[in-house]
Protein backbone atom coordinates (compact mmCIF):
# COMPACT_ATOMS: atom_id res chain seq x y z
CA MET A 1 -213.36 -43.27 -84.14
CA ALA A 2 -211.94 -43.11 -80.63
CA MET A 3 -213.68 -45.07 -77.93
CA SER A 4 -215.81 -42.95 -75.64
CA PRO A 5 -214.91 -43.08 -71.96
CA ARG A 6 -218.40 -44.41 -71.30
CA HIS A 7 -217.84 -47.47 -73.53
CA THR A 8 -216.84 -50.79 -72.02
CA ALA A 9 -213.10 -51.25 -71.84
CA PRO A 10 -211.57 -54.32 -73.50
CA GLY A 11 -211.69 -57.34 -71.23
CA ALA A 12 -214.32 -55.84 -68.94
CA PRO A 13 -217.67 -57.57 -68.48
CA GLU A 14 -220.25 -56.25 -70.88
CA GLY A 15 -222.54 -53.61 -69.44
CA ARG A 16 -220.20 -52.73 -66.58
CA VAL A 17 -218.08 -49.65 -66.19
CA PRO A 18 -214.45 -50.37 -65.33
CA GLU A 19 -213.56 -49.76 -61.68
CA ALA A 20 -211.16 -46.96 -62.51
CA SER A 21 -213.86 -45.10 -64.40
CA ALA A 22 -216.53 -45.83 -61.84
CA ALA A 23 -214.30 -44.57 -59.07
CA GLY A 24 -213.73 -41.35 -60.93
CA THR A 25 -210.49 -39.54 -61.51
CA GLY A 26 -207.90 -38.89 -58.90
CA PRO A 27 -205.34 -40.83 -56.96
CA ALA A 28 -207.86 -43.26 -55.63
CA ALA A 29 -208.68 -44.55 -59.09
CA GLY A 30 -207.54 -48.13 -59.45
CA ALA A 31 -206.25 -48.18 -55.85
CA PRO A 32 -207.18 -51.13 -53.62
CA ALA A 33 -210.10 -50.53 -51.33
CA ARG A 34 -209.18 -49.67 -47.78
CA LYS A 35 -210.10 -51.93 -44.92
CA LYS A 36 -212.86 -50.59 -42.75
CA ASP A 37 -211.80 -49.23 -39.39
CA ARG A 38 -213.41 -51.45 -36.78
CA THR A 39 -211.71 -49.99 -33.72
CA HIS A 40 -214.97 -48.31 -32.72
CA TRP A 41 -216.24 -51.80 -31.88
CA LEU A 42 -213.31 -52.18 -29.51
CA TYR A 43 -214.33 -48.95 -27.83
CA ILE A 44 -217.92 -50.16 -27.44
CA MET A 45 -216.82 -53.54 -26.10
CA VAL A 46 -214.57 -51.93 -23.49
CA ILE A 47 -217.44 -49.76 -22.27
CA ILE A 48 -219.71 -52.79 -22.02
CA ALA A 49 -216.97 -54.76 -20.23
CA VAL A 50 -216.40 -51.97 -17.69
CA VAL A 51 -220.13 -51.69 -16.93
CA LEU A 52 -220.51 -55.47 -16.57
CA GLY A 53 -217.38 -55.74 -14.45
CA ALA A 54 -218.57 -52.98 -12.11
CA ALA A 55 -222.01 -54.60 -11.86
CA ILE A 56 -220.58 -58.02 -10.99
CA GLY A 57 -218.20 -56.48 -8.48
CA LEU A 58 -221.05 -54.71 -6.72
CA VAL A 59 -223.60 -57.54 -6.81
CA PHE A 60 -221.26 -60.55 -6.46
CA PRO A 61 -218.08 -59.27 -4.75
CA ASP A 62 -216.50 -62.70 -4.31
CA ALA A 63 -217.04 -63.60 -7.96
CA GLY A 64 -215.60 -60.23 -8.96
CA THR A 65 -212.39 -60.68 -7.01
CA ALA A 66 -212.00 -64.17 -8.49
CA LEU A 67 -211.79 -62.57 -11.96
CA LYS A 68 -208.55 -60.73 -11.13
CA PRO A 69 -206.37 -63.13 -13.23
CA LEU A 70 -208.08 -61.83 -16.39
CA GLY A 71 -206.69 -58.38 -15.74
CA THR A 72 -203.34 -59.82 -14.68
CA ALA A 73 -203.06 -61.78 -17.93
CA PHE A 74 -203.79 -58.70 -20.04
CA ILE A 75 -201.16 -56.67 -18.21
CA ALA A 76 -198.69 -59.54 -18.77
CA LEU A 77 -199.36 -59.27 -22.50
CA ILE A 78 -198.72 -55.52 -22.37
CA LYS A 79 -195.48 -56.12 -20.46
CA MET A 80 -194.42 -58.62 -23.12
CA ILE A 81 -194.64 -56.01 -25.88
CA ILE A 82 -193.09 -53.04 -24.00
CA ALA A 83 -189.45 -53.58 -24.99
CA PRO A 84 -190.08 -54.07 -28.75
CA VAL A 85 -192.31 -50.97 -28.84
CA ILE A 86 -189.75 -48.85 -27.00
CA PHE A 87 -186.84 -50.09 -29.14
CA CYS A 88 -188.50 -49.51 -32.51
CA THR A 89 -190.04 -46.14 -31.69
CA ILE A 90 -186.89 -44.73 -30.10
CA VAL A 91 -184.59 -45.87 -32.91
CA LEU A 92 -186.89 -44.35 -35.53
CA GLY A 93 -187.59 -41.34 -33.30
CA VAL A 94 -183.90 -40.47 -33.23
CA GLY A 95 -184.04 -40.46 -37.01
CA SER A 96 -187.00 -38.07 -36.95
CA VAL A 97 -185.08 -35.65 -34.73
CA ALA A 98 -182.08 -35.82 -37.03
CA ARG A 99 -184.25 -35.20 -40.10
CA ALA A 100 -185.99 -32.25 -38.44
CA ALA A 101 -182.61 -30.74 -37.59
CA THR A 102 -181.60 -30.78 -41.27
CA VAL A 103 -184.34 -28.40 -42.38
CA GLY A 104 -182.91 -25.34 -40.66
CA LYS A 105 -184.60 -22.80 -38.45
CA VAL A 106 -188.15 -24.14 -38.78
CA GLY A 107 -187.23 -27.70 -37.79
CA GLY A 108 -184.94 -26.67 -34.95
CA LEU A 109 -187.44 -24.20 -33.53
CA ALA A 110 -190.25 -26.75 -33.78
CA MET A 111 -188.26 -29.44 -31.95
CA LEU A 112 -187.28 -27.00 -29.19
CA TYR A 113 -190.91 -25.92 -28.76
CA PHE A 114 -192.13 -29.53 -28.68
CA LEU A 115 -189.59 -30.47 -26.02
CA VAL A 116 -190.49 -27.51 -23.81
CA MET A 117 -194.25 -28.04 -24.14
CA ALA A 118 -194.02 -31.80 -23.53
CA THR A 119 -192.00 -31.22 -20.39
CA PHE A 120 -194.43 -28.56 -19.19
CA ALA A 121 -197.43 -30.84 -19.84
CA LEU A 122 -195.78 -33.65 -17.88
CA VAL A 123 -195.12 -31.27 -14.99
CA VAL A 124 -198.76 -30.13 -15.09
CA GLY A 125 -199.88 -33.76 -14.83
CA LEU A 126 -197.57 -34.37 -11.86
CA VAL A 127 -198.76 -31.23 -10.06
CA VAL A 128 -202.45 -32.07 -10.53
CA GLY A 129 -201.84 -35.70 -9.52
CA ASN A 130 -200.10 -34.63 -6.32
CA ILE A 131 -202.95 -32.25 -5.48
CA ILE A 132 -205.89 -34.64 -5.93
CA HIS A 133 -204.09 -37.91 -5.06
CA PRO A 134 -206.23 -40.09 -7.35
CA GLY A 135 -206.58 -43.75 -6.39
CA THR A 136 -206.11 -43.21 -2.67
CA GLY A 137 -207.94 -45.83 -0.59
CA LEU A 138 -208.31 -48.51 -3.29
CA GLN A 139 -205.70 -50.78 -1.70
CA LEU A 140 -205.05 -52.77 -4.89
CA LYS A 141 -203.17 -56.04 -4.42
CA PRO A 142 -201.41 -57.96 -7.21
CA TYR A 143 -202.36 -61.53 -8.09
CA GLU A 144 -199.70 -63.80 -6.58
CA GLU A 145 -199.02 -67.24 -8.00
CA GLY A 146 -198.76 -70.00 -5.42
CA SER A 147 -200.71 -68.09 -2.79
CA GLY A 148 -203.67 -69.55 -0.98
CA ASP A 149 -206.10 -67.81 -3.37
CA SER A 150 -204.33 -68.91 -6.54
CA ASN A 151 -205.45 -71.61 -8.92
CA HIS A 152 -203.00 -74.10 -10.49
CA THR A 153 -204.74 -73.94 -13.87
CA VAL A 154 -204.66 -70.13 -13.84
CA ASP A 155 -201.01 -70.15 -12.79
CA PHE A 156 -200.18 -72.49 -15.67
CA LEU A 157 -202.00 -70.34 -18.22
CA LEU A 158 -200.29 -67.19 -16.97
CA SER A 159 -196.91 -68.92 -17.23
CA LEU A 160 -197.47 -69.35 -20.98
CA ILE A 161 -197.17 -65.59 -21.55
CA PRO A 162 -193.52 -64.70 -22.33
CA GLY A 163 -191.68 -62.66 -19.76
CA ASP A 164 -190.77 -59.02 -20.21
CA LEU A 165 -187.38 -57.49 -20.98
CA PRO A 166 -185.84 -54.75 -18.81
CA VAL A 167 -186.92 -51.34 -20.10
CA LEU A 168 -184.04 -49.01 -19.19
CA PRO A 169 -181.33 -51.12 -20.88
CA THR A 170 -183.61 -51.40 -23.92
CA LEU A 171 -184.02 -47.61 -23.96
CA VAL A 172 -180.27 -47.01 -23.76
CA LEU A 173 -179.59 -49.58 -26.49
CA ALA A 174 -182.26 -48.02 -28.72
CA LEU A 175 -180.74 -44.55 -28.34
CA LEU A 176 -177.25 -45.85 -29.17
CA VAL A 177 -178.51 -47.81 -32.19
CA GLY A 178 -180.51 -44.80 -33.39
CA PHE A 179 -177.54 -42.43 -33.24
CA ALA A 180 -175.25 -45.04 -34.82
CA LEU A 181 -177.61 -45.58 -37.75
CA GLN A 182 -177.97 -41.84 -38.28
CA SER A 183 -174.19 -41.42 -38.32
CA MET A 184 -173.98 -44.08 -41.04
CA GLY A 185 -175.99 -41.94 -43.45
CA LYS A 186 -177.19 -43.74 -46.57
CA ALA A 187 -175.55 -46.98 -45.48
CA GLY A 188 -177.86 -47.12 -42.48
CA GLU A 189 -181.05 -46.66 -44.50
CA PRO A 190 -181.60 -50.40 -45.18
CA VAL A 191 -181.42 -51.13 -41.46
CA LEU A 192 -183.81 -48.29 -40.67
CA ASN A 193 -186.22 -49.58 -43.29
CA GLY A 194 -185.97 -53.04 -41.74
CA ILE A 195 -186.76 -51.60 -38.29
CA ARG A 196 -189.76 -49.81 -39.80
CA HIS A 197 -191.06 -53.16 -41.04
CA ILE A 198 -190.41 -54.72 -37.63
CA GLN A 199 -192.25 -51.80 -36.02
CA ALA A 200 -195.25 -52.49 -38.25
CA VAL A 201 -195.28 -56.09 -37.00
CA VAL A 202 -194.92 -54.95 -33.39
CA PHE A 203 -197.78 -52.47 -33.70
CA LYS A 204 -199.91 -55.13 -35.40
CA LEU A 205 -199.24 -57.39 -32.43
CA MET A 206 -200.10 -54.51 -30.13
CA MET A 207 -203.42 -54.09 -31.93
CA MET A 208 -204.12 -57.80 -31.54
CA ILE A 209 -203.43 -57.52 -27.81
CA MET A 210 -205.71 -54.50 -27.54
CA TRP A 211 -208.61 -56.59 -28.83
CA ALA A 212 -208.26 -58.50 -25.56
CA ALA A 213 -208.66 -55.23 -23.62
CA PRO A 214 -212.40 -55.80 -22.97
CA ILE A 215 -211.59 -59.11 -21.23
CA GLY A 216 -208.77 -57.55 -19.21
CA ALA A 217 -210.88 -54.53 -18.29
CA PHE A 218 -213.79 -56.77 -17.29
CA GLY A 219 -211.63 -58.82 -14.91
CA ALA A 220 -209.72 -55.85 -13.48
CA ILE A 221 -212.79 -53.68 -12.84
CA ALA A 222 -214.78 -56.60 -11.39
CA ALA A 223 -211.90 -57.40 -9.02
CA VAL A 224 -211.30 -53.86 -7.77
CA VAL A 225 -215.00 -53.05 -7.41
CA GLY A 226 -215.58 -56.40 -5.70
CA ALA A 227 -212.85 -55.57 -3.20
CA THR A 228 -213.61 -51.88 -2.54
CA GLY A 229 -217.20 -51.33 -3.75
CA TRP A 230 -218.30 -47.86 -4.75
CA ALA A 231 -214.97 -46.39 -3.63
CA ALA A 232 -213.34 -47.77 -6.79
CA ILE A 233 -215.96 -46.23 -9.06
CA ALA A 234 -215.67 -42.88 -7.28
CA SER A 235 -211.87 -42.95 -7.50
CA MET A 236 -211.91 -43.67 -11.24
CA ALA A 237 -214.48 -40.91 -11.77
CA VAL A 238 -212.22 -38.46 -9.90
CA LEU A 239 -209.27 -39.37 -12.12
CA MET A 240 -211.27 -38.96 -15.33
CA GLY A 241 -212.85 -35.69 -14.19
CA ALA A 242 -209.50 -34.26 -13.10
CA PHE A 243 -207.92 -35.31 -16.39
CA TYR A 244 -210.68 -33.70 -18.47
CA LEU A 245 -210.48 -30.49 -16.44
CA THR A 246 -206.69 -30.38 -16.61
CA CYS A 247 -206.68 -30.79 -20.39
CA ALA A 248 -209.36 -28.12 -20.80
CA LEU A 249 -207.43 -25.64 -18.64
CA PHE A 250 -204.20 -26.51 -20.47
CA ILE A 251 -205.82 -25.70 -23.82
CA VAL A 252 -207.54 -22.51 -22.70
CA ILE A 253 -204.91 -21.05 -20.36
CA VAL A 254 -201.55 -22.37 -21.56
CA LEU A 255 -202.08 -22.84 -25.29
CA GLY A 256 -204.63 -20.02 -25.50
CA GLY A 257 -202.36 -17.67 -23.59
CA LEU A 258 -199.38 -18.42 -25.85
CA LEU A 259 -201.51 -17.96 -28.95
CA LYS A 260 -202.87 -14.63 -27.73
CA VAL A 261 -199.54 -13.20 -26.61
CA VAL A 262 -197.57 -14.26 -29.70
CA THR A 263 -200.14 -13.78 -32.47
CA GLY A 264 -203.13 -11.96 -30.98
CA LEU A 265 -205.44 -14.77 -32.15
CA ASN A 266 -208.22 -16.19 -30.01
CA ILE A 267 -208.05 -19.87 -29.00
CA PHE A 268 -211.84 -20.22 -29.06
CA ARG A 269 -212.00 -18.95 -32.64
CA LEU A 270 -209.30 -21.42 -33.59
CA MET A 271 -211.27 -24.24 -31.98
CA LYS A 272 -214.41 -23.14 -33.84
CA TYR A 273 -212.39 -23.10 -37.07
CA LEU A 274 -211.34 -26.71 -36.37
CA ALA A 275 -214.78 -27.87 -35.20
CA ARG A 276 -215.23 -30.49 -37.93
CA GLU A 277 -211.84 -31.97 -37.17
CA TYR A 278 -212.78 -32.22 -33.49
CA LEU A 279 -215.90 -34.17 -34.40
CA LEU A 280 -213.82 -36.49 -36.60
CA ILE A 281 -211.30 -37.08 -33.81
CA PHE A 282 -214.02 -37.65 -31.23
CA SER A 283 -215.63 -40.30 -33.40
CA THR A 284 -212.33 -42.16 -34.01
CA SER A 285 -210.47 -41.49 -30.69
CA SER A 286 -207.39 -40.66 -32.77
CA SER A 287 -205.99 -37.39 -34.10
CA GLU A 288 -204.39 -39.26 -37.03
CA SER A 289 -207.67 -39.15 -38.96
CA ALA A 290 -207.58 -35.34 -39.07
CA LEU A 291 -203.95 -34.96 -40.21
CA PRO A 292 -204.65 -34.17 -43.90
CA ARG A 293 -207.41 -31.74 -42.96
CA LEU A 294 -205.16 -29.96 -40.45
CA ILE A 295 -202.49 -29.52 -43.14
CA ALA A 296 -205.04 -27.99 -45.53
CA LYS A 297 -206.65 -25.76 -42.89
CA MET A 298 -203.35 -24.43 -41.57
CA GLU A 299 -202.32 -23.51 -45.10
CA HIS A 300 -205.69 -21.84 -45.62
CA ALA A 301 -205.13 -19.92 -42.36
CA GLY A 302 -202.08 -18.27 -43.93
CA VAL A 303 -199.24 -20.45 -42.62
CA SER A 304 -196.64 -21.14 -45.31
CA LYS A 305 -196.36 -24.58 -46.84
CA ALA A 306 -192.81 -24.94 -45.52
CA VAL A 307 -193.86 -24.43 -41.89
CA VAL A 308 -196.98 -26.58 -42.19
CA GLY A 309 -195.11 -29.38 -43.96
CA ILE A 310 -192.45 -29.57 -41.25
CA THR A 311 -194.34 -28.69 -38.06
CA VAL A 312 -197.56 -30.71 -38.42
CA PRO A 313 -196.09 -34.16 -39.26
CA THR A 314 -193.27 -33.79 -36.73
CA GLY A 315 -195.70 -32.58 -34.07
CA TYR A 316 -197.84 -35.66 -34.50
CA SER A 317 -194.96 -37.71 -33.07
CA PHE A 318 -193.31 -35.24 -30.71
CA ASN A 319 -195.96 -32.74 -29.57
CA LEU A 320 -198.29 -34.89 -27.47
CA ASP A 321 -199.49 -32.59 -24.70
CA GLY A 322 -202.61 -34.60 -23.82
CA THR A 323 -200.68 -37.86 -23.72
CA ALA A 324 -198.03 -36.29 -21.46
CA ILE A 325 -200.66 -35.15 -18.94
CA TYR A 326 -202.29 -38.59 -19.05
CA LEU A 327 -199.05 -40.50 -18.47
CA THR A 328 -198.07 -38.69 -15.30
CA MET A 329 -201.57 -38.56 -13.79
CA ALA A 330 -202.18 -42.26 -14.53
CA SER A 331 -198.81 -43.19 -12.98
CA LEU A 332 -199.65 -41.36 -9.77
CA PHE A 333 -203.12 -42.96 -9.76
CA VAL A 334 -201.65 -46.47 -9.89
CA SER A 335 -199.04 -45.74 -7.22
CA SER A 336 -201.67 -44.29 -4.87
CA ALA A 337 -204.12 -47.12 -5.55
CA MET A 338 -201.47 -49.70 -4.56
CA GLU A 339 -200.54 -47.66 -1.47
CA THR A 340 -196.94 -47.20 -2.59
CA PRO A 341 -196.74 -43.50 -3.51
CA MET A 342 -193.72 -42.19 -5.41
CA ASP A 343 -191.35 -39.76 -3.78
CA LEU A 344 -190.23 -36.58 -5.55
CA GLY A 345 -187.05 -38.14 -6.93
CA GLN A 346 -188.97 -41.03 -8.49
CA GLN A 347 -191.48 -38.61 -9.99
CA ILE A 348 -188.73 -36.52 -11.59
CA SER A 349 -186.97 -39.58 -13.03
CA LEU A 350 -190.34 -40.82 -14.29
CA LEU A 351 -190.87 -37.45 -15.97
CA VAL A 352 -187.52 -37.64 -17.74
CA PHE A 353 -188.24 -41.20 -18.88
CA MET A 354 -191.68 -40.25 -20.21
CA ILE A 355 -190.23 -37.35 -22.22
CA ILE A 356 -188.06 -39.83 -24.14
CA ALA A 357 -190.28 -42.92 -24.24
CA SER A 358 -193.49 -41.20 -25.36
CA LYS A 359 -192.03 -40.13 -28.72
CA GLY A 360 -192.81 -41.85 -31.98
CA ALA A 361 -195.79 -44.01 -30.97
CA ALA A 362 -198.55 -41.52 -31.64
CA GLY A 363 -201.73 -42.78 -33.25
CA VAL A 364 -201.13 -46.43 -32.45
CA THR A 365 -203.90 -47.99 -30.41
CA GLY A 366 -202.44 -49.15 -27.10
CA ALA A 367 -199.17 -47.20 -27.44
CA GLY A 368 -200.16 -44.97 -24.53
CA LEU A 369 -200.72 -48.01 -22.32
CA ALA A 370 -197.40 -49.50 -23.43
CA THR A 371 -195.56 -46.26 -22.63
CA LEU A 372 -197.27 -46.04 -19.24
CA ALA A 373 -196.34 -49.65 -18.51
CA ALA A 374 -192.76 -48.97 -19.58
CA GLY A 375 -192.46 -46.02 -17.22
CA LEU A 376 -193.84 -47.98 -14.29
CA GLN A 377 -191.70 -51.02 -15.02
CA ALA A 378 -188.55 -48.93 -15.26
CA HIS A 379 -189.12 -47.16 -11.95
CA ARG A 380 -191.53 -49.21 -9.85
CA PRO A 381 -192.07 -52.68 -11.38
CA GLU A 382 -194.37 -53.70 -8.53
CA LEU A 383 -196.91 -51.11 -9.73
CA LEU A 384 -197.55 -52.82 -13.07
CA ASP A 385 -200.22 -55.08 -11.61
CA GLY A 386 -202.28 -52.02 -10.73
CA MET A 387 -202.61 -51.00 -14.38
CA GLY A 388 -205.67 -53.20 -14.86
CA VAL A 389 -207.92 -50.44 -13.56
CA ILE A 390 -206.35 -47.97 -16.02
CA VAL A 391 -207.15 -50.35 -18.87
CA GLY A 392 -210.81 -50.10 -17.93
CA ILE A 393 -210.96 -46.30 -18.08
CA ASP A 394 -208.27 -45.64 -20.69
CA LYS A 395 -210.79 -45.57 -23.52
CA PHE A 396 -212.85 -42.96 -21.70
CA MET A 397 -209.83 -40.65 -21.69
CA SER A 398 -208.56 -41.37 -25.21
CA GLU A 399 -210.75 -38.76 -26.93
CA CYS A 400 -209.60 -36.05 -24.53
CA ARG A 401 -205.97 -37.00 -25.15
CA ALA A 402 -206.45 -36.91 -28.91
CA LEU A 403 -208.28 -33.55 -28.88
CA THR A 404 -205.58 -31.99 -26.67
CA ASN A 405 -202.79 -33.35 -28.88
CA PHE A 406 -204.54 -32.04 -32.00
CA THR A 407 -205.11 -28.57 -30.55
CA GLY A 408 -201.49 -28.42 -29.41
CA ASN A 409 -200.28 -29.15 -32.93
CA ALA A 410 -202.58 -26.55 -34.48
CA VAL A 411 -201.37 -23.89 -32.04
CA ALA A 412 -197.73 -24.95 -32.55
CA THR A 413 -198.05 -24.54 -36.33
CA ILE A 414 -199.36 -20.98 -36.00
CA LEU A 415 -196.74 -20.06 -33.39
CA ILE A 416 -193.85 -21.42 -35.46
CA GLY A 417 -195.23 -19.56 -38.48
CA ARG A 418 -195.29 -16.32 -36.47
CA TRP A 419 -191.80 -16.75 -35.03
CA THR A 420 -190.33 -17.50 -38.46
CA LYS A 421 -192.42 -14.76 -40.16
CA GLU A 422 -193.98 -17.41 -42.41
CA ILE A 423 -197.64 -16.57 -41.78
CA ASP A 424 -200.07 -14.10 -43.32
CA MET A 425 -201.71 -12.69 -40.20
CA ALA A 426 -204.45 -10.96 -42.15
CA GLN A 427 -205.45 -14.27 -43.74
CA ALA A 428 -205.24 -15.98 -40.36
CA GLN A 429 -207.62 -13.44 -38.83
CA ALA A 430 -209.98 -13.76 -41.79
CA ALA A 431 -209.98 -17.57 -41.62
CA LEU A 432 -210.62 -17.72 -37.88
CA THR A 433 -213.34 -15.05 -37.88
CA GLY A 434 -215.13 -16.63 -40.84
CA ALA A 435 -214.48 -13.79 -43.25
CA SER A 436 -212.53 -16.26 -45.43
CA PRO A 437 -214.37 -19.55 -44.86
CA PHE A 438 -212.79 -22.90 -45.58
CA ASP A 439 -214.51 -24.56 -48.55
CA GLU A 440 -215.12 -28.16 -47.50
CA LEU A 441 -216.02 -29.22 -51.04
CA SER A 442 -212.56 -28.32 -52.34
CA LEU A 443 -210.91 -30.83 -50.00
CA GLU A 444 -211.12 -34.23 -51.63
CA PRO A 445 -210.70 -36.95 -48.98
CA ASP A 446 -209.27 -39.44 -51.49
CA ALA A 447 -206.54 -37.00 -52.40
CA HIS A 448 -205.45 -36.59 -48.81
CA GLY A 449 -206.29 -39.89 -47.23
CA ALA A 450 -202.96 -41.48 -48.02
CA ALA A 451 -201.05 -39.05 -45.86
CA SER A 452 -199.64 -40.22 -42.56
CA PRO A 453 -197.34 -38.65 -40.01
CA GLU A 454 -194.63 -41.18 -40.81
CA ALA A 455 -194.89 -40.61 -44.54
CA THR A 456 -194.89 -36.86 -44.26
CA SER A 457 -192.14 -36.72 -41.66
CA GLN A 458 -189.95 -38.99 -43.78
CA ASP A 459 -190.23 -36.52 -46.62
CA SER A 460 -188.58 -33.90 -44.44
CA THR A 461 -185.19 -35.57 -44.86
CA SER A 462 -184.17 -33.44 -47.83
CA PRO A 463 -181.25 -31.14 -46.94
CA GLU A 464 -182.42 -28.57 -49.44
CA SER A 465 -183.88 -25.20 -48.59
CA GLU A 466 -186.75 -24.91 -46.18
CA SER A 467 -189.13 -23.84 -48.89
CA ALA A 468 -188.37 -26.86 -51.02
CA VAL A 469 -188.64 -29.20 -48.07
CA GLY A 470 -191.88 -27.60 -46.99
CA ALA A 471 -193.30 -27.88 -50.48
CA GLU A 472 -192.43 -31.55 -50.65
CA LEU A 473 -193.85 -32.25 -47.19
CA GLY A 474 -196.97 -30.20 -47.65
CA SER A 475 -197.77 -31.97 -50.89
CA THR A 476 -197.35 -35.43 -49.36
CA ALA A 477 -201.03 -35.43 -48.52
CA GLU A 478 -201.64 -35.42 -52.26
CA ALA A 479 -198.94 -37.91 -53.17
CA GLY A 480 -199.80 -39.91 -56.20
CA ALA A 481 -202.45 -37.50 -57.42
CA SER A 482 -200.89 -37.07 -60.82
CA ALA A 483 -204.10 -35.70 -62.25
CA ALA A 484 -204.31 -32.99 -59.62
CA PRO A 485 -202.37 -29.76 -60.19
CA GLN A 486 -199.18 -29.75 -58.14
CA SER A 487 -196.73 -27.01 -57.35
CA SER A 488 -193.04 -27.85 -57.11
CA THR A 489 -192.26 -24.55 -55.49
CA GLY A 490 -192.78 -23.40 -51.95
CA GLN A 491 -195.94 -21.50 -52.90
CA LYS A 492 -199.38 -22.54 -51.75
CA GLN A 493 -201.57 -24.48 -54.09
CA PRO A 494 -204.66 -22.58 -55.22
CA GLU A 495 -206.91 -25.50 -54.29
CA LEU A 496 -205.83 -25.48 -50.65
CA SER A 497 -205.23 -21.79 -50.14
CA GLN A 498 -208.70 -20.99 -51.41
CA ALA A 499 -210.28 -24.02 -49.72
């Protein structure tokens, strides 16, 4: 008689159900348990550090200004990691562009749209920054070693942090290496894989540095508040308020206007449709957590699997509207705070640099700070020491960046579907109005949790037809789910289309 599934498996402790059985069926069965995400503690610690730093700066101004080296040390650590981050992300980003170009009209149209929208978002940030002039009056001064206010012990400790590499030569080298590896075809794959492993180490180091952000924010905020008092707090509040308002107007007017003109759909209904994803992003400060759900919901909204599979993963690296607005506004804030404003030529060159350098680092904690530091170092190296204040308020703006990026990718997917005639508009209207509700119970988190932008975008390398590529990409979220019904064609899976 065959053993019942409820019986103890051979070798298992008596009276216990094997882990695979206890976990249930599906791709997660037998898989190693995931590490818990503890980045929310980092967020909480930064908030506490900012409040304490502001309090010390107001109550004990001299003690606050004496804490400036803490912020200086943290910025030095960020400077140390800029060149490796830029090199790895640009080399691999060139590969992503090349892969997107191989999938025909959908990939080419998506890349063109992402480039135009990123440029427009950067311009919006520059315009708003030049109107409100955030940071004016702070009069930030860098910590100078060997000056009368310096300390020999502090100078020695700061000297232990490795120096930074020049950013522009690194950027040029990364572009050349990226194009060279792509031209090598299959022979270049081992090198690309090696760079991916190096990138993982670099981003791990970046995460380790970010755990020192509360200390850096504490010292930087205490120093600037100690030197300028309430003016610093008011200036930071103006920057955050302007950034929130700019992102909101960008979503409603720019993205909402495009969506209405091209498809006739309402941006507010789309946002209501994605309400649960917004809550998930707000709680994690990252749009990465909602990637599998966005794939499923866009397919449920009538967009073909081919368009969803290409547009969503690629957009997570290249369509970063919120990050673009943040980069330019934060750059102008630092330049104004240090009383060295940028002229128009420097702003335009900064814009061009940000368009290139901001690609490929999405979803990595601290990548936005690294990109901002890279832009400042490449154009105005003396402004880097003013980034300490940005470190203190960066976490307060991260949710807004993530929500804007996510909304931009959702809108982009629908627009690309409309332009390529790969969307069922009747189903889209029904999904957004609630006539065809999304069934949350049909979306198994374990079946989609393994998806990542890198994994899905890598699957877009196939030179086959767009439908086949889209089917492969769209099913990446369910990779490894051998027990789950899969479709090898470009058609939608019943589980997701009816979800």
